[in-house]
């Protein structure tokens, strides 16, 4: 005669692996929908920063439009108006202004 709760029945030992399956599935979905696209976007941004050159029109993370006058390893000088230049860190460039096309050279004075 089996007492309730003693496990004298035949089933009940293989549910541990099946209990982890939804958790693993959720992590896989999270990885492919959120983490991987973010890594790809960060890689593209880093590549864009390394390809910046003099004459490129940019927009900063603060929303300032300008044209690159000088590029160094970690910083650059950007002309935001006639005879107005600011020095800024490369990491604060949001992207190229005007769809990634090069800016025309400044007019001769």
N, C-alpha and C. Protein backbone atom coordinates (compact mmCIF):
# COMPACT_ATOMS: atom_id res chain seq x y z
N UNK A 1 0.85 -1.16 0.00
CA UNK A 1 0.00 0.00 0.00
C UNK A 1 0.89 1.23 0.00
N UNK A 2 0.73 2.08 -1.00
CA UNK A 2 1.59 3.25 -1.10
C UNK A 2 0.98 4.45 -0.40
N UNK A 3 1.81 5.13 0.33
CA UNK A 3 1.36 6.34 1.01
C UNK A 3 1.46 7.53 0.06
N UNK A 4 0.57 8.49 0.19
CA UNK A 4 0.64 9.66 -0.68
C UNK A 4 1.92 10.46 -0.39
N UNK A 5 2.60 10.90 -1.47
CA UNK A 5 3.79 11.72 -1.30
C UNK A 5 5.07 10.95 -1.15
N UNK A 6 5.04 9.61 -1.20
CA UNK A 6 6.27 8.84 -1.04
C UNK A 6 6.94 8.56 -2.37
N UNK A 7 6.30 8.86 -3.48
CA UNK A 7 6.91 8.65 -4.79
C UNK A 7 6.90 7.22 -5.23
N UNK A 8 5.97 6.43 -4.76
CA UNK A 8 5.93 5.04 -5.17
C UNK A 8 5.28 4.86 -6.53
N UNK A 9 4.84 5.97 -7.15
CA UNK A 9 4.29 5.90 -8.49
C UNK A 9 5.42 5.75 -9.50
N UNK A 10 5.11 5.52 -10.76
CA UNK A 10 6.13 5.25 -11.76
C UNK A 10 6.74 6.49 -12.40
N UNK A 11 6.08 7.64 -12.46
CA UNK A 11 6.58 8.79 -13.21
C UNK A 11 7.07 9.87 -12.27
N UNK A 12 7.80 10.87 -12.85
CA UNK A 12 8.11 12.05 -12.07
C UNK A 12 9.55 12.47 -12.01
N UNK A 13 10.52 11.90 -12.75
CA UNK A 13 11.90 12.31 -12.59
C UNK A 13 12.48 13.12 -13.73
N UNK A 14 11.86 13.20 -14.90
CA UNK A 14 12.50 13.83 -16.05
C UNK A 14 12.01 15.22 -16.39
N UNK A 15 11.37 15.92 -15.50
CA UNK A 15 10.82 17.24 -15.80
C UNK A 15 11.81 18.38 -15.65
N UNK A 16 13.00 18.15 -15.13
CA UNK A 16 13.96 19.23 -14.90
C UNK A 16 14.47 19.87 -16.17
N UNK A 17 14.80 19.06 -17.16
CA UNK A 17 15.31 19.58 -18.42
C UNK A 17 14.21 20.29 -19.21
N UNK A 18 13.02 19.77 -19.17
CA UNK A 18 11.91 20.41 -19.87
C UNK A 18 11.51 21.72 -19.20
N UNK A 19 11.79 21.85 -17.94
CA UNK A 19 11.50 23.10 -17.24
C UNK A 19 12.45 24.23 -17.65
N UNK A 20 13.65 23.88 -18.08
CA UNK A 20 14.62 24.89 -18.52
C UNK A 20 14.42 25.31 -19.97
N UNK A 21 13.73 24.51 -20.75
CA UNK A 21 13.55 24.79 -22.17
C UNK A 21 12.92 26.16 -22.43
N UNK A 22 11.85 26.55 -21.76
CA UNK A 22 11.29 27.89 -22.02
C UNK A 22 12.26 29.02 -21.67
N UNK A 23 13.05 28.83 -20.62
CA UNK A 23 14.02 29.84 -20.23
C UNK A 23 15.11 29.99 -21.29
N UNK A 24 15.61 28.88 -21.80
CA UNK A 24 16.63 28.91 -22.84
C UNK A 24 16.06 29.52 -24.12
N UNK A 25 14.84 29.18 -24.45
CA UNK A 25 14.18 29.72 -25.63
C UNK A 25 13.99 31.24 -25.51
N UNK A 26 13.60 31.72 -24.34
CA UNK A 26 13.44 33.16 -24.13
C UNK A 26 14.78 33.88 -24.26
N UNK A 27 15.84 33.30 -23.72
CA UNK A 27 17.17 33.91 -23.83
C UNK A 27 17.61 33.98 -25.28
N UNK A 28 17.36 32.94 -26.06
CA UNK A 28 17.74 32.93 -27.48
C UNK A 28 17.00 34.01 -28.25
N UNK A 29 15.71 34.15 -27.99
CA UNK A 29 14.92 35.19 -28.65
C UNK A 29 15.43 36.57 -28.25
N UNK A 30 15.71 36.76 -26.97
CA UNK A 30 16.23 38.03 -26.46
C UNK A 30 17.56 38.36 -27.14
N UNK A 31 18.42 37.36 -27.30
CA UNK A 31 19.73 37.57 -27.91
C UNK A 31 19.59 38.00 -29.37
N UNK A 32 18.78 37.30 -30.14
CA UNK A 32 18.68 37.58 -31.56
C UNK A 32 17.86 38.83 -31.88
N UNK A 33 16.97 39.24 -30.99
CA UNK A 33 16.16 40.42 -31.26
C UNK A 33 16.72 41.70 -30.66
N UNK A 34 17.52 41.60 -29.59
CA UNK A 34 18.00 42.81 -28.92
C UNK A 34 19.52 42.94 -28.90
N UNK A 35 20.21 41.94 -28.42
CA UNK A 35 21.65 42.05 -28.20
C UNK A 35 22.42 42.07 -29.52
N UNK A 36 22.15 41.14 -30.39
CA UNK A 36 22.91 41.04 -31.64
C UNK A 36 22.74 42.27 -32.54
N UNK A 37 21.53 42.79 -32.75
CA UNK A 37 21.42 44.02 -33.57
C UNK A 37 22.14 45.22 -32.94
N UNK A 38 22.13 45.30 -31.61
CA UNK A 38 22.82 46.40 -30.94
C UNK A 38 24.33 46.29 -31.14
N UNK A 39 24.88 45.08 -31.10
CA UNK A 39 26.30 44.89 -31.35
C UNK A 39 26.65 45.26 -32.79
N UNK A 40 25.79 44.92 -33.72
CA UNK A 40 26.03 45.23 -35.13
C UNK A 40 26.02 46.75 -35.35
N UNK A 41 25.08 47.43 -34.71
CA UNK A 41 24.99 48.88 -34.83
C UNK A 41 26.22 49.56 -34.21
N UNK A 42 26.69 49.05 -33.08
CA UNK A 42 27.89 49.61 -32.44
C UNK A 42 29.12 49.41 -33.32
N UNK A 43 29.20 48.28 -33.99
CA UNK A 43 30.33 48.01 -34.89
C UNK A 43 30.30 48.98 -36.08
N UNK A 44 29.12 49.23 -36.64
CA UNK A 44 29.00 50.17 -37.75
C UNK A 44 29.38 51.58 -37.32
N UNK A 45 28.98 51.98 -36.10
CA UNK A 45 29.30 53.32 -35.60
C UNK A 45 30.81 53.47 -35.41
N UNK A 46 31.44 52.44 -34.87
CA UNK A 46 32.89 52.47 -34.67
C UNK A 46 33.62 52.56 -36.01
N UNK A 47 33.14 51.84 -37.00
CA UNK A 47 33.73 51.89 -38.34
C UNK A 47 33.55 53.28 -38.96
N UNK A 48 32.37 53.88 -38.77
CA UNK A 48 32.11 55.21 -39.29
C UNK A 48 33.06 56.22 -38.64
N UNK A 49 33.29 56.10 -37.33
CA UNK A 49 34.19 57.01 -36.63
C UNK A 49 35.62 56.89 -37.15
N UNK A 50 36.05 55.68 -37.45
CA UNK A 50 37.42 55.50 -37.93
C UNK A 50 37.59 56.00 -39.36
N UNK A 51 36.50 56.15 -40.12
CA UNK A 51 36.58 56.62 -41.50
C UNK A 51 36.32 58.11 -41.66
N UNK A 52 36.16 58.85 -40.55
CA UNK A 52 35.93 60.29 -40.65
C UNK A 52 37.18 60.97 -41.20
N UNK A 53 36.95 61.97 -42.05
CA UNK A 53 38.08 62.70 -42.63
C UNK A 53 37.71 64.17 -42.78
N UNK A 54 38.71 64.96 -43.09
CA UNK A 54 38.52 66.40 -43.26
C UNK A 54 37.50 66.65 -44.38
N UNK A 55 36.59 67.57 -44.12
CA UNK A 55 35.58 67.93 -45.12
C UNK A 55 34.25 67.23 -44.94
N UNK A 56 34.18 66.20 -44.11
CA UNK A 56 32.92 65.50 -43.87
C UNK A 56 31.97 66.38 -43.07
N UNK A 57 30.71 66.40 -43.45
CA UNK A 57 29.68 67.09 -42.66
C UNK A 57 29.12 66.09 -41.67
N UNK A 58 29.06 66.50 -40.41
CA UNK A 58 28.63 65.60 -39.34
C UNK A 58 27.53 66.23 -38.52
N UNK A 59 26.89 65.38 -37.72
CA UNK A 59 25.97 65.85 -36.69
C UNK A 59 26.42 65.20 -35.39
N UNK A 60 26.49 66.01 -34.33
CA UNK A 60 26.95 65.50 -33.04
C UNK A 60 25.77 64.91 -32.27
N UNK A 61 26.09 64.24 -31.17
CA UNK A 61 25.02 63.68 -30.33
C UNK A 61 24.19 64.78 -29.69
N UNK A 62 24.73 65.99 -29.61
CA UNK A 62 23.98 67.13 -29.08
C UNK A 62 23.14 67.83 -30.13
N UNK A 63 23.22 67.38 -31.39
CA UNK A 63 22.41 67.96 -32.45
C UNK A 63 23.06 69.11 -33.19
N UNK A 64 24.37 69.30 -33.03
CA UNK A 64 25.08 70.38 -33.70
C UNK A 64 25.61 69.87 -35.03
N UNK A 65 25.33 70.61 -36.09
CA UNK A 65 25.84 70.28 -37.42
C UNK A 65 27.15 71.02 -37.63
N UNK A 66 28.09 70.38 -38.30
CA UNK A 66 29.35 71.04 -38.59
C UNK A 66 30.13 70.29 -39.65
N UNK A 67 31.28 70.87 -40.00
CA UNK A 67 32.16 70.27 -41.00
C UNK A 67 33.53 70.05 -40.35
N UNK A 68 34.09 68.88 -40.53
CA UNK A 68 35.37 68.54 -39.92
C UNK A 68 36.48 69.32 -40.60
N UNK A 69 37.30 69.98 -39.76
CA UNK A 69 38.43 70.75 -40.25
C UNK A 69 39.73 69.99 -40.01
N UNK A 70 39.81 69.29 -38.88
CA UNK A 70 41.02 68.55 -38.52
C UNK A 70 40.63 67.33 -37.71
N UNK A 71 41.28 66.19 -37.98
CA UNK A 71 40.99 64.95 -37.26
C UNK A 71 42.26 64.45 -36.60
N UNK A 72 42.17 64.13 -35.30
CA UNK A 72 43.26 63.51 -34.54
C UNK A 72 42.82 62.11 -34.14
N UNK A 73 43.61 61.46 -33.29
CA UNK A 73 43.28 60.10 -32.86
C UNK A 73 41.97 60.04 -32.08
N UNK A 74 41.81 60.92 -31.10
CA UNK A 74 40.63 60.85 -30.24
C UNK A 74 39.76 62.10 -30.30
N UNK A 75 40.21 63.14 -30.99
CA UNK A 75 39.45 64.38 -31.06
C UNK A 75 39.46 64.94 -32.47
N UNK A 76 38.70 66.01 -32.66
CA UNK A 76 38.65 66.67 -33.97
C UNK A 76 38.22 68.10 -33.78
N UNK A 77 38.56 68.94 -34.75
CA UNK A 77 38.10 70.32 -34.79
C UNK A 77 36.99 70.39 -35.82
N UNK A 78 35.87 70.98 -35.41
CA UNK A 78 34.69 71.04 -36.27
C UNK A 78 34.30 72.50 -36.44
N UNK A 79 34.07 72.91 -37.68
CA UNK A 79 33.61 74.27 -37.96
C UNK A 79 32.09 74.25 -37.98
N UNK A 80 31.48 75.02 -37.06
CA UNK A 80 30.03 75.04 -36.95
C UNK A 80 29.42 76.28 -37.59
N UNK A 81 30.23 77.30 -37.84
CA UNK A 81 29.82 78.52 -38.54
C UNK A 81 31.09 79.15 -39.10
N UNK A 82 30.96 80.23 -39.85
CA UNK A 82 32.14 80.88 -40.39
C UNK A 82 33.06 81.33 -39.26
N UNK A 83 34.28 80.86 -39.30
CA UNK A 83 35.32 81.19 -38.33
C UNK A 83 34.97 80.79 -36.90
N UNK A 84 34.07 79.85 -36.74
CA UNK A 84 33.71 79.32 -35.41
C UNK A 84 34.03 77.84 -35.40
N UNK A 85 35.06 77.47 -34.64
CA UNK A 85 35.49 76.07 -34.58
C UNK A 85 35.43 75.57 -33.14
N UNK A 86 35.03 74.33 -33.01
CA UNK A 86 35.01 73.70 -31.69
C UNK A 86 35.84 72.43 -31.74
N UNK A 87 36.47 72.12 -30.62
CA UNK A 87 37.22 70.87 -30.50
C UNK A 87 36.32 69.90 -29.75
N UNK A 88 36.17 68.70 -30.29
CA UNK A 88 35.28 67.73 -29.66
C UNK A 88 35.87 66.33 -29.77
N UNK A 89 35.41 65.46 -28.91
CA UNK A 89 35.84 64.07 -28.92
C UNK A 89 35.15 63.34 -30.07
N UNK A 90 35.88 62.42 -30.69
CA UNK A 90 35.32 61.66 -31.81
C UNK A 90 34.08 60.87 -31.42
N UNK A 91 34.05 60.38 -30.20
CA UNK A 91 32.95 59.53 -29.76
C UNK A 91 31.60 60.20 -29.73
N UNK A 92 31.57 61.54 -29.80
CA UNK A 92 30.31 62.26 -29.73
C UNK A 92 29.76 62.62 -31.11
N UNK A 93 30.29 61.99 -32.15
CA UNK A 93 29.73 62.15 -33.49
C UNK A 93 28.60 61.14 -33.63
N UNK A 94 27.41 61.64 -33.92
CA UNK A 94 26.26 60.75 -34.09
C UNK A 94 26.26 60.10 -35.46
N UNK A 95 26.62 60.88 -36.46
CA UNK A 95 26.65 60.33 -37.81
C UNK A 95 27.00 61.40 -38.82
N UNK A 96 27.03 60.99 -40.06
CA UNK A 96 27.29 61.93 -41.14
C UNK A 96 26.00 62.66 -41.49
N UNK A 97 26.10 63.96 -41.69
CA UNK A 97 24.94 64.76 -42.06
C UNK A 97 24.75 64.67 -43.57
N UNK A 98 23.54 64.73 -44.01
CA UNK A 98 23.27 64.72 -45.45
C UNK A 98 23.35 63.34 -46.06
N UNK A 99 23.05 62.31 -45.31
CA UNK A 99 23.01 60.96 -45.87
C UNK A 99 24.37 60.37 -46.16
N UNK A 100 25.41 60.87 -45.52
CA UNK A 100 26.73 60.27 -45.69
C UNK A 100 27.50 60.79 -46.87
N UNK A 101 27.01 61.82 -47.54
CA UNK A 101 27.74 62.37 -48.66
C UNK A 101 28.75 63.39 -48.17
N UNK A 102 29.82 63.54 -48.92
CA UNK A 102 30.85 64.49 -48.54
C UNK A 102 30.35 65.91 -48.73
N UNK A 103 30.85 66.79 -47.89
CA UNK A 103 30.49 68.20 -48.00
C UNK A 103 31.36 68.85 -49.06
N UNK A 104 30.86 69.93 -49.63
CA UNK A 104 31.67 70.66 -50.59
C UNK A 104 32.76 71.41 -49.84
N UNK A 105 33.91 71.62 -50.48
CA UNK A 105 34.99 72.32 -49.79
C UNK A 105 34.60 73.76 -49.50
N UNK A 106 35.21 74.36 -48.47
CA UNK A 106 34.86 75.74 -48.14
C UNK A 106 35.26 76.68 -49.27
N UNK A 107 34.48 77.75 -49.47
CA UNK A 107 34.80 78.68 -50.55
C UNK A 107 36.11 79.41 -50.27
N UNK A 108 36.90 79.70 -51.31
CA UNK A 108 38.15 80.43 -51.09
C UNK A 108 37.88 81.86 -50.64
N UNK A 109 38.80 82.39 -49.83
CA UNK A 109 38.59 83.74 -49.29
C UNK A 109 39.59 84.70 -49.84
